[in-house]
N, C-alpha and C. Protein backbone atom coordinates (compact mmCIF):
# COMPACT_ATOMS: atom_id res chain seq x y z
N MET A 1 -12.43 15.13 -2.73
CA MET A 1 -13.26 14.20 -1.98
C MET A 1 -12.40 13.14 -1.30
N ASN A 2 -11.35 12.68 -1.98
CA ASN A 2 -10.48 11.65 -1.41
C ASN A 2 -9.81 12.15 -0.13
N ASN A 3 -9.36 13.42 -0.14
CA ASN A 3 -8.75 14.00 1.06
C ASN A 3 -9.77 14.09 2.19
N ASP A 4 -11.01 14.41 1.85
CA ASP A 4 -12.05 14.47 2.86
C ASP A 4 -12.26 13.10 3.51
N VAL A 5 -12.27 12.06 2.72
CA VAL A 5 -12.47 10.72 3.27
C VAL A 5 -11.27 10.32 4.12
N ALA A 6 -10.07 10.70 3.70
CA ALA A 6 -8.88 10.41 4.49
C ALA A 6 -8.95 11.14 5.83
N THR A 7 -9.41 12.39 5.82
CA THR A 7 -9.57 13.15 7.06
C THR A 7 -10.65 12.52 7.92
N LEU A 8 -11.74 12.09 7.31
CA LEU A 8 -12.80 11.40 8.05
C LEU A 8 -12.25 10.15 8.72
N GLN A 9 -11.36 9.44 8.03
CA GLN A 9 -10.76 8.23 8.61
C GLN A 9 -9.90 8.58 9.82
N VAL A 10 -9.14 9.67 9.73
CA VAL A 10 -8.32 10.11 10.87
C VAL A 10 -9.23 10.46 12.05
N ILE A 11 -10.32 11.16 11.77
CA ILE A 11 -11.26 11.52 12.84
C ILE A 11 -11.86 10.26 13.45
N ALA A 12 -12.27 9.32 12.62
CA ALA A 12 -12.85 8.07 13.12
C ALA A 12 -11.85 7.31 13.98
N ASP A 13 -10.61 7.23 13.52
CA ASP A 13 -9.57 6.53 14.29
C ASP A 13 -9.32 7.22 15.63
N THR A 14 -9.28 8.55 15.61
CA THR A 14 -9.06 9.32 16.83
C THR A 14 -10.21 9.09 17.81
N LEU A 15 -11.45 9.15 17.32
CA LEU A 15 -12.60 8.97 18.20
C LEU A 15 -12.71 7.54 18.72
N GLU A 16 -12.20 6.59 17.94
CA GLU A 16 -12.20 5.21 18.42
C GLU A 16 -11.28 5.07 19.63
N ASN A 17 -10.13 5.73 19.58
CA ASN A 17 -9.16 5.67 20.69
C ASN A 17 -9.53 6.61 21.83
N ASP A 18 -10.17 7.73 21.51
CA ASP A 18 -10.52 8.73 22.51
C ASP A 18 -11.88 9.32 22.15
N PRO A 19 -12.97 8.67 22.60
CA PRO A 19 -14.32 9.12 22.22
C PRO A 19 -14.64 10.56 22.63
N GLN A 20 -13.94 11.11 23.60
CA GLN A 20 -14.18 12.49 24.04
C GLN A 20 -13.13 13.46 23.48
N ALA A 21 -12.47 13.07 22.39
CA ALA A 21 -11.40 13.91 21.81
C ALA A 21 -11.93 15.30 21.49
N SER A 22 -11.12 16.28 21.78
CA SER A 22 -11.47 17.67 21.48
C SER A 22 -11.16 17.97 20.02
N GLN A 23 -11.68 19.12 19.58
CA GLN A 23 -11.38 19.56 18.21
C GLN A 23 -9.87 19.79 18.04
N ARG A 24 -9.21 20.22 19.10
CA ARG A 24 -7.76 20.42 19.07
C ARG A 24 -7.04 19.10 18.80
N ILE A 25 -7.45 18.04 19.48
CA ILE A 25 -6.82 16.73 19.28
C ILE A 25 -7.12 16.21 17.88
N LEU A 26 -8.36 16.39 17.43
CA LEU A 26 -8.70 15.97 16.06
C LEU A 26 -7.82 16.69 15.04
N ALA A 27 -7.64 17.99 15.25
CA ALA A 27 -6.81 18.79 14.33
C ALA A 27 -5.36 18.33 14.36
N GLU A 28 -4.82 18.10 15.56
CA GLU A 28 -3.44 17.64 15.67
C GLU A 28 -3.25 16.31 14.95
N ASN A 29 -4.15 15.38 15.18
CA ASN A 29 -4.03 14.05 14.56
C ASN A 29 -4.18 14.11 13.04
N ALA A 30 -4.96 15.07 12.55
CA ALA A 30 -5.15 15.22 11.11
C ALA A 30 -4.08 16.11 10.48
N GLY A 31 -3.23 16.72 11.32
CA GLY A 31 -2.16 17.58 10.80
C GLY A 31 -2.68 18.88 10.22
N MET A 32 -3.68 19.46 10.87
CA MET A 32 -4.23 20.72 10.37
C MET A 32 -4.49 21.67 11.54
N SER A 33 -4.76 22.91 11.21
CA SER A 33 -5.06 23.90 12.24
C SER A 33 -6.44 23.66 12.82
N ILE A 34 -6.67 24.24 13.99
CA ILE A 34 -7.99 24.10 14.61
C ILE A 34 -9.05 24.78 13.74
N GLY A 35 -8.73 25.92 13.17
CA GLY A 35 -9.68 26.63 12.31
C GLY A 35 -10.08 25.79 11.10
N LEU A 36 -9.09 25.15 10.49
CA LEU A 36 -9.40 24.30 9.34
C LEU A 36 -10.21 23.09 9.78
N MET A 37 -9.88 22.51 10.93
CA MET A 37 -10.64 21.37 11.43
C MET A 37 -12.08 21.78 11.71
N ASN A 38 -12.28 22.98 12.22
CA ASN A 38 -13.63 23.48 12.48
C ASN A 38 -14.43 23.53 11.17
N ALA A 39 -13.79 24.05 10.11
CA ALA A 39 -14.47 24.12 8.80
C ALA A 39 -14.76 22.72 8.26
N VAL A 40 -13.80 21.81 8.44
CA VAL A 40 -13.98 20.42 7.96
C VAL A 40 -15.13 19.76 8.69
N ILE A 41 -15.17 19.94 10.02
CA ILE A 41 -16.25 19.32 10.79
C ILE A 41 -17.60 19.87 10.36
N LYS A 42 -17.69 21.17 10.13
CA LYS A 42 -18.95 21.76 9.66
C LYS A 42 -19.37 21.13 8.33
N ARG A 43 -18.40 20.97 7.43
CA ARG A 43 -18.70 20.36 6.12
C ARG A 43 -19.15 18.91 6.29
N PHE A 44 -18.49 18.18 7.18
CA PHE A 44 -18.85 16.78 7.42
C PHE A 44 -20.22 16.66 8.07
N VAL A 45 -20.57 17.61 8.94
CA VAL A 45 -21.91 17.63 9.54
C VAL A 45 -22.95 17.85 8.44
N GLU A 46 -22.68 18.79 7.53
CA GLU A 46 -23.60 19.06 6.42
C GLU A 46 -23.78 17.82 5.53
N ARG A 47 -22.73 17.08 5.33
CA ARG A 47 -22.80 15.86 4.51
C ARG A 47 -23.46 14.70 5.26
N GLY A 48 -23.58 14.85 6.56
CA GLY A 48 -24.16 13.79 7.37
C GLY A 48 -23.16 12.74 7.81
N TRP A 49 -21.87 13.06 7.74
CA TRP A 49 -20.84 12.10 8.11
C TRP A 49 -20.51 12.14 9.60
N ILE A 50 -20.74 13.31 10.22
CA ILE A 50 -20.43 13.49 11.64
C ILE A 50 -21.64 14.10 12.33
N MET A 51 -21.86 13.67 13.58
CA MET A 51 -22.92 14.22 14.40
C MET A 51 -22.27 14.93 15.60
N LEU A 52 -22.77 16.11 15.92
CA LEU A 52 -22.28 16.87 17.06
C LEU A 52 -23.32 16.82 18.17
N THR A 53 -22.85 16.68 19.39
CA THR A 53 -23.73 16.80 20.55
C THR A 53 -23.03 17.67 21.59
N ASN A 54 -23.83 18.42 22.33
CA ASN A 54 -23.29 19.28 23.39
C ASN A 54 -23.09 18.45 24.66
N VAL A 55 -21.86 18.41 25.13
CA VAL A 55 -21.57 17.77 26.42
C VAL A 55 -21.90 18.77 27.53
N ASN A 56 -21.49 20.01 27.34
CA ASN A 56 -21.85 21.13 28.22
C ASN A 56 -21.78 22.39 27.37
N LEU A 57 -21.84 23.55 28.00
CA LEU A 57 -21.86 24.80 27.24
C LEU A 57 -20.57 25.05 26.46
N ARG A 58 -19.47 24.47 26.90
CA ARG A 58 -18.19 24.74 26.26
C ARG A 58 -17.62 23.55 25.52
N LYS A 59 -18.23 22.40 25.59
CA LYS A 59 -17.63 21.17 25.03
C LYS A 59 -18.62 20.48 24.10
N LEU A 60 -18.11 20.11 22.93
CA LEU A 60 -18.88 19.32 21.98
C LEU A 60 -18.33 17.90 21.93
N SER A 61 -19.19 17.00 21.60
CA SER A 61 -18.79 15.61 21.40
C SER A 61 -19.05 15.28 19.93
N TYR A 62 -18.16 14.49 19.35
CA TYR A 62 -18.27 14.15 17.93
C TYR A 62 -18.51 12.65 17.78
N ALA A 63 -19.28 12.30 16.79
CA ALA A 63 -19.52 10.88 16.50
C ALA A 63 -19.64 10.71 14.99
N ILE A 64 -19.07 9.63 14.50
CA ILE A 64 -19.21 9.29 13.09
C ILE A 64 -20.60 8.68 12.90
N THR A 65 -21.32 9.17 11.93
CA THR A 65 -22.68 8.68 11.66
C THR A 65 -22.64 7.42 10.81
N PRO A 66 -23.77 6.73 10.69
CA PRO A 66 -23.81 5.59 9.78
C PRO A 66 -23.44 5.97 8.34
N GLU A 67 -23.82 7.20 7.91
CA GLU A 67 -23.45 7.65 6.57
C GLU A 67 -21.93 7.82 6.46
N GLY A 68 -21.31 8.32 7.53
CA GLY A 68 -19.85 8.45 7.54
C GLY A 68 -19.16 7.10 7.49
N ILE A 69 -19.69 6.15 8.25
CA ILE A 69 -19.14 4.79 8.24
C ILE A 69 -19.31 4.17 6.86
N ALA A 70 -20.46 4.41 6.23
CA ALA A 70 -20.69 3.87 4.88
C ALA A 70 -19.69 4.45 3.89
N GLU A 71 -19.38 5.74 4.03
CA GLU A 71 -18.40 6.38 3.13
C GLU A 71 -17.02 5.75 3.33
N LEU A 72 -16.64 5.51 4.57
CA LEU A 72 -15.35 4.88 4.85
C LEU A 72 -15.32 3.45 4.31
N THR A 73 -16.42 2.74 4.45
CA THR A 73 -16.51 1.36 3.95
C THR A 73 -16.38 1.33 2.43
N THR A 74 -17.05 2.24 1.76
CA THR A 74 -16.96 2.31 0.30
C THR A 74 -15.53 2.58 -0.13
N ARG A 75 -14.87 3.50 0.57
CA ARG A 75 -13.47 3.82 0.26
C ARG A 75 -12.59 2.59 0.45
N SER A 76 -12.80 1.88 1.55
CA SER A 76 -12.00 0.68 1.83
C SER A 76 -12.19 -0.37 0.75
N GLN A 77 -13.43 -0.56 0.35
CA GLN A 77 -13.70 -1.56 -0.70
C GLN A 77 -13.07 -1.16 -2.02
N SER A 78 -13.11 0.13 -2.34
CA SER A 78 -12.47 0.60 -3.58
C SER A 78 -10.97 0.37 -3.52
N PHE A 79 -10.37 0.65 -2.37
CA PHE A 79 -8.94 0.43 -2.20
C PHE A 79 -8.59 -1.04 -2.39
N VAL A 80 -9.37 -1.92 -1.80
CA VAL A 80 -9.12 -3.36 -1.92
C VAL A 80 -9.25 -3.80 -3.37
N ARG A 81 -10.28 -3.32 -4.07
CA ARG A 81 -10.44 -3.69 -5.49
C ARG A 81 -9.25 -3.24 -6.32
N ARG A 82 -8.79 -1.99 -6.10
CA ARG A 82 -7.62 -1.48 -6.84
C ARG A 82 -6.37 -2.29 -6.50
N THR A 83 -6.21 -2.64 -5.23
CA THR A 83 -5.05 -3.41 -4.80
C THR A 83 -5.05 -4.79 -5.45
N PHE A 84 -6.20 -5.46 -5.46
CA PHE A 84 -6.29 -6.78 -6.08
C PHE A 84 -6.05 -6.70 -7.59
N ALA A 85 -6.57 -5.66 -8.22
CA ALA A 85 -6.36 -5.50 -9.66
C ALA A 85 -4.86 -5.32 -9.95
N LEU A 86 -4.18 -4.52 -9.14
CA LEU A 86 -2.74 -4.34 -9.33
C LEU A 86 -1.98 -5.64 -9.07
N ALA A 87 -2.36 -6.36 -8.04
CA ALA A 87 -1.70 -7.64 -7.74
C ALA A 87 -1.88 -8.60 -8.90
N ASN A 88 -3.06 -8.65 -9.49
CA ASN A 88 -3.29 -9.53 -10.64
C ASN A 88 -2.46 -9.09 -11.85
N LYS A 89 -2.38 -7.78 -12.07
CA LYS A 89 -1.57 -7.27 -13.18
C LYS A 89 -0.10 -7.62 -12.97
N TYR A 90 0.39 -7.41 -11.75
CA TYR A 90 1.79 -7.73 -11.44
C TYR A 90 2.04 -9.23 -11.56
N ASN A 91 1.09 -10.02 -11.12
CA ASN A 91 1.22 -11.48 -11.21
C ASN A 91 1.34 -11.91 -12.67
N GLU A 92 0.52 -11.34 -13.54
CA GLU A 92 0.58 -11.68 -14.97
C GLU A 92 1.95 -11.32 -15.55
N SER A 93 2.44 -10.12 -15.22
CA SER A 93 3.75 -9.68 -15.73
C SER A 93 4.86 -10.60 -15.25
N ILE A 94 4.84 -10.95 -13.98
CA ILE A 94 5.87 -11.82 -13.42
C ILE A 94 5.77 -13.21 -14.02
N CYS A 95 4.56 -13.73 -14.17
CA CYS A 95 4.39 -15.06 -14.76
C CYS A 95 4.92 -15.09 -16.20
N GLN A 96 4.69 -14.02 -16.95
CA GLN A 96 5.18 -13.96 -18.32
C GLN A 96 6.71 -14.02 -18.36
N ILE A 97 7.36 -13.28 -17.51
CA ILE A 97 8.82 -13.25 -17.53
C ILE A 97 9.40 -14.56 -17.02
N VAL A 98 8.76 -15.18 -16.03
CA VAL A 98 9.25 -16.47 -15.53
C VAL A 98 9.02 -17.55 -16.59
N ALA A 99 7.89 -17.50 -17.29
CA ALA A 99 7.64 -18.47 -18.37
C ALA A 99 8.68 -18.32 -19.47
N ALA A 100 9.01 -17.08 -19.83
CA ALA A 100 10.03 -16.85 -20.87
C ALA A 100 11.39 -17.34 -20.40
N ALA A 101 11.71 -17.15 -19.13
CA ALA A 101 12.99 -17.62 -18.59
C ALA A 101 13.04 -19.14 -18.61
N LYS A 102 11.94 -19.78 -18.30
CA LYS A 102 11.88 -21.26 -18.33
C LYS A 102 12.12 -21.76 -19.75
N LYS A 103 11.55 -21.08 -20.74
CA LYS A 103 11.77 -21.47 -22.13
C LYS A 103 13.24 -21.32 -22.52
N GLN A 104 13.95 -20.39 -21.85
CA GLN A 104 15.38 -20.20 -22.10
C GLN A 104 16.21 -21.13 -21.22
N ASP A 105 15.55 -22.11 -20.63
CA ASP A 105 16.18 -23.15 -19.81
C ASP A 105 16.77 -22.62 -18.49
N LYS A 106 16.17 -21.55 -17.96
CA LYS A 106 16.58 -21.07 -16.64
C LYS A 106 15.97 -22.02 -15.61
N LYS A 107 16.75 -22.36 -14.59
CA LYS A 107 16.33 -23.36 -13.61
C LYS A 107 15.81 -22.75 -12.31
N ALA A 108 16.02 -21.43 -12.12
CA ALA A 108 15.63 -20.81 -10.86
C ALA A 108 15.29 -19.34 -11.06
N VAL A 109 14.56 -18.82 -10.11
CA VAL A 109 14.34 -17.38 -9.98
C VAL A 109 15.07 -16.99 -8.71
N CYS A 110 16.02 -16.07 -8.85
CA CYS A 110 16.80 -15.60 -7.70
C CYS A 110 16.42 -14.15 -7.42
N LEU A 111 15.95 -13.91 -6.21
CA LEU A 111 15.61 -12.56 -5.78
C LEU A 111 16.75 -12.01 -4.95
N TYR A 112 17.34 -10.93 -5.43
CA TYR A 112 18.42 -10.25 -4.71
C TYR A 112 17.82 -9.06 -3.97
N GLY A 113 17.97 -9.09 -2.65
CA GLY A 113 17.36 -8.04 -1.83
C GLY A 113 15.94 -8.41 -1.46
N ASN A 114 15.19 -7.41 -1.04
CA ASN A 114 13.83 -7.64 -0.55
C ASN A 114 12.79 -7.11 -1.52
N SER A 115 11.60 -7.70 -1.41
CA SER A 115 10.47 -7.27 -2.23
C SER A 115 9.18 -7.44 -1.46
N TYR A 116 8.31 -6.45 -1.59
CA TYR A 116 6.99 -6.56 -0.99
C TYR A 116 6.14 -7.62 -1.67
N ILE A 117 6.47 -7.92 -2.92
CA ILE A 117 5.66 -8.88 -3.67
C ILE A 117 6.43 -10.18 -3.94
N LYS A 118 7.28 -10.52 -3.02
CA LYS A 118 8.04 -11.77 -3.12
C LYS A 118 7.10 -12.96 -3.33
N PHE A 119 5.94 -12.91 -2.69
CA PHE A 119 4.98 -14.00 -2.80
C PHE A 119 4.56 -14.26 -4.25
N LEU A 120 4.54 -13.21 -5.07
CA LEU A 120 4.21 -13.39 -6.49
C LEU A 120 5.35 -14.09 -7.23
N LEU A 121 6.57 -13.79 -6.86
CA LEU A 121 7.73 -14.46 -7.46
C LEU A 121 7.74 -15.94 -7.07
N ILE A 122 7.42 -16.22 -5.81
CA ILE A 122 7.35 -17.61 -5.35
C ILE A 122 6.25 -18.36 -6.10
N TYR A 123 5.09 -17.73 -6.23
CA TYR A 123 3.98 -18.36 -6.94
C TYR A 123 4.34 -18.67 -8.38
N ALA A 124 4.92 -17.70 -9.08
CA ALA A 124 5.28 -17.91 -10.49
C ALA A 124 6.33 -19.00 -10.62
N SER A 125 7.29 -19.02 -9.71
CA SER A 125 8.33 -20.06 -9.73
C SER A 125 7.71 -21.44 -9.59
N GLN A 126 6.83 -21.58 -8.62
CA GLN A 126 6.16 -22.87 -8.40
C GLN A 126 5.28 -23.23 -9.59
N ASN A 127 4.59 -22.25 -10.12
CA ASN A 127 3.68 -22.47 -11.25
C ASN A 127 4.41 -22.97 -12.49
N PHE A 128 5.65 -22.50 -12.70
CA PHE A 128 6.40 -22.88 -13.90
C PHE A 128 7.50 -23.89 -13.61
N GLY A 129 7.52 -24.43 -12.42
CA GLY A 129 8.43 -25.53 -12.11
C GLY A 129 9.90 -25.15 -12.03
N VAL A 130 10.17 -23.95 -11.56
CA VAL A 130 11.56 -23.56 -11.32
C VAL A 130 11.70 -23.24 -9.83
N SER A 131 12.90 -23.35 -9.32
CA SER A 131 13.09 -23.08 -7.89
C SER A 131 13.15 -21.58 -7.64
N PHE A 132 12.82 -21.22 -6.42
CA PHE A 132 12.90 -19.82 -6.00
C PHE A 132 13.97 -19.74 -4.92
N VAL A 133 14.90 -18.78 -5.08
CA VAL A 133 16.01 -18.64 -4.14
C VAL A 133 16.12 -17.16 -3.77
N GLU A 134 16.24 -16.91 -2.47
CA GLU A 134 16.49 -15.54 -2.01
C GLU A 134 17.99 -15.36 -1.84
N LYS A 135 18.49 -14.24 -2.31
CA LYS A 135 19.93 -13.95 -2.25
C LYS A 135 20.16 -12.60 -1.59
N ASP A 136 21.31 -12.48 -0.97
CA ASP A 136 21.75 -11.20 -0.46
C ASP A 136 22.23 -10.36 -1.65
N VAL A 137 22.12 -9.06 -1.54
CA VAL A 137 22.53 -8.19 -2.65
C VAL A 137 24.02 -8.29 -2.96
N ASN A 138 24.80 -8.81 -2.03
CA ASN A 138 26.24 -8.96 -2.24
C ASN A 138 26.63 -10.33 -2.77
N ASP A 139 25.66 -11.25 -2.87
CA ASP A 139 25.95 -12.58 -3.39
C ASP A 139 26.26 -12.53 -4.88
N GLU A 140 26.96 -13.54 -5.33
CA GLU A 140 27.31 -13.65 -6.75
C GLU A 140 26.02 -13.87 -7.57
N ILE A 141 26.00 -13.29 -8.75
CA ILE A 141 24.85 -13.45 -9.64
C ILE A 141 24.87 -14.87 -10.19
N GLN A 142 23.74 -15.54 -10.09
CA GLN A 142 23.63 -16.94 -10.51
C GLN A 142 23.54 -17.06 -12.03
N LYS A 143 24.29 -18.00 -12.55
CA LYS A 143 24.18 -18.33 -13.98
C LYS A 143 22.98 -19.27 -14.12
N ASN A 144 22.41 -19.30 -15.25
CA ASN A 144 21.29 -20.19 -15.54
C ASN A 144 20.09 -19.96 -14.61
N ALA A 145 19.93 -18.70 -14.21
CA ALA A 145 18.79 -18.33 -13.36
C ALA A 145 18.26 -16.96 -13.81
N LEU A 146 16.99 -16.75 -13.56
CA LEU A 146 16.39 -15.44 -13.76
C LEU A 146 16.69 -14.65 -12.50
N CYS A 147 17.56 -13.67 -12.60
CA CYS A 147 18.00 -12.90 -11.44
C CYS A 147 17.25 -11.57 -11.40
N ILE A 148 16.60 -11.33 -10.27
CA ILE A 148 15.75 -10.15 -10.12
C ILE A 148 16.20 -9.37 -8.90
N ALA A 149 16.36 -8.07 -9.07
CA ALA A 149 16.69 -7.17 -7.97
C ALA A 149 15.38 -6.66 -7.37
N GLY A 150 15.19 -6.91 -6.08
CA GLY A 150 13.97 -6.49 -5.40
C GLY A 150 13.82 -4.99 -5.36
N GLU A 151 12.59 -4.53 -5.38
CA GLU A 151 12.32 -3.09 -5.45
C GLU A 151 12.69 -2.35 -4.18
N GLN A 152 12.98 -3.05 -3.10
CA GLN A 152 13.37 -2.39 -1.87
C GLN A 152 14.87 -2.07 -1.80
N CYS A 153 15.60 -2.45 -2.83
CA CYS A 153 17.04 -2.14 -2.87
C CYS A 153 17.23 -0.63 -3.05
N GLU A 154 18.29 -0.11 -2.44
CA GLU A 154 18.64 1.28 -2.65
C GLU A 154 19.06 1.47 -4.10
N GLU A 155 18.94 2.69 -4.59
CA GLU A 155 19.21 2.97 -6.01
C GLU A 155 20.59 2.51 -6.45
N GLU A 156 21.61 2.80 -5.65
CA GLU A 156 22.98 2.44 -6.06
C GLU A 156 23.15 0.92 -6.09
N VAL A 157 22.53 0.23 -5.14
CA VAL A 157 22.59 -1.24 -5.11
C VAL A 157 21.84 -1.79 -6.32
N MET A 158 20.69 -1.21 -6.60
CA MET A 158 19.90 -1.64 -7.76
C MET A 158 20.72 -1.48 -9.04
N ALA A 159 21.37 -0.35 -9.18
CA ALA A 159 22.18 -0.09 -10.38
C ALA A 159 23.30 -1.13 -10.53
N LYS A 160 23.96 -1.48 -9.43
CA LYS A 160 25.03 -2.48 -9.47
C LYS A 160 24.47 -3.85 -9.87
N LEU A 161 23.33 -4.20 -9.29
CA LEU A 161 22.74 -5.51 -9.61
C LEU A 161 22.31 -5.59 -11.07
N VAL A 162 21.73 -4.51 -11.57
CA VAL A 162 21.32 -4.48 -12.98
C VAL A 162 22.55 -4.57 -13.88
N LYS A 163 23.60 -3.88 -13.52
CA LYS A 163 24.84 -3.92 -14.30
C LYS A 163 25.43 -5.34 -14.34
N LYS A 164 25.23 -6.07 -13.24
CA LYS A 164 25.74 -7.45 -13.17
C LYS A 164 24.83 -8.46 -13.87
N GLY A 165 23.64 -8.01 -14.29
CA GLY A 165 22.77 -8.91 -15.03
C GLY A 165 21.40 -9.17 -14.44
N CYS A 166 21.09 -8.55 -13.32
CA CYS A 166 19.76 -8.71 -12.72
C CYS A 166 18.75 -7.83 -13.46
N ILE A 167 17.51 -8.22 -13.35
CA ILE A 167 16.40 -7.41 -13.86
C ILE A 167 15.84 -6.62 -12.69
N ASN A 168 15.60 -5.35 -12.90
CA ASN A 168 14.97 -4.51 -11.89
C ASN A 168 13.49 -4.91 -11.82
N LEU A 169 13.04 -5.35 -10.65
CA LEU A 169 11.66 -5.79 -10.51
C LEU A 169 10.67 -4.70 -10.91
N LEU A 170 11.02 -3.45 -10.64
CA LEU A 170 10.13 -2.35 -11.01
C LEU A 170 9.97 -2.25 -12.53
N ASP A 171 11.01 -2.60 -13.30
CA ASP A 171 10.90 -2.59 -14.75
C ASP A 171 9.91 -3.65 -15.24
N ILE A 172 9.87 -4.78 -14.56
CA ILE A 172 8.92 -5.84 -14.91
C ILE A 172 7.51 -5.34 -14.68
N LEU A 173 7.30 -4.68 -13.56
CA LEU A 173 5.97 -4.26 -13.15
C LEU A 173 5.45 -3.08 -13.97
N GLU A 174 6.33 -2.26 -14.50
CA GLU A 174 5.92 -1.09 -15.26
C GLU A 174 5.49 -1.44 -16.68
N ASN A 175 5.84 -2.63 -17.14
CA ASN A 175 5.48 -3.03 -18.51
C ASN A 175 4.06 -3.50 -18.61
């Protein structure tokens, strides 16, 4: 069902950009054969997600129905709820480690490299009264700081940073 909704989203996006898109274009954008797209469209028509209309004897026009839009909306809301739940879980994990570092008299959180969730590190630093510093992966590891290697570091860089005393951000998040 999840793949069907993802395909429906591709169809909706394609039709938004090109309302007269052919089945061939829909198939190309979805990364599938025309035959498979034909079967998918038939299934979506049966579910009430897509409406077909004849433009002429050889051309069909496709439209996402209100039921199809509702399905996409439900999927989007579920995605947002899961994303927020993960962000809250990650925030709790990061806050716990920053609080423990503060108890060990660490004065800063140093992020080596990049992270998609840098904002959570900044929040935890501010929340526990320690400074937040961004560092290049080649910078010296700071003493008296909680040193974290960002998850966007390449594996070999991550391994070097961990060996020098940094914590792998992914290890924090997996706990």
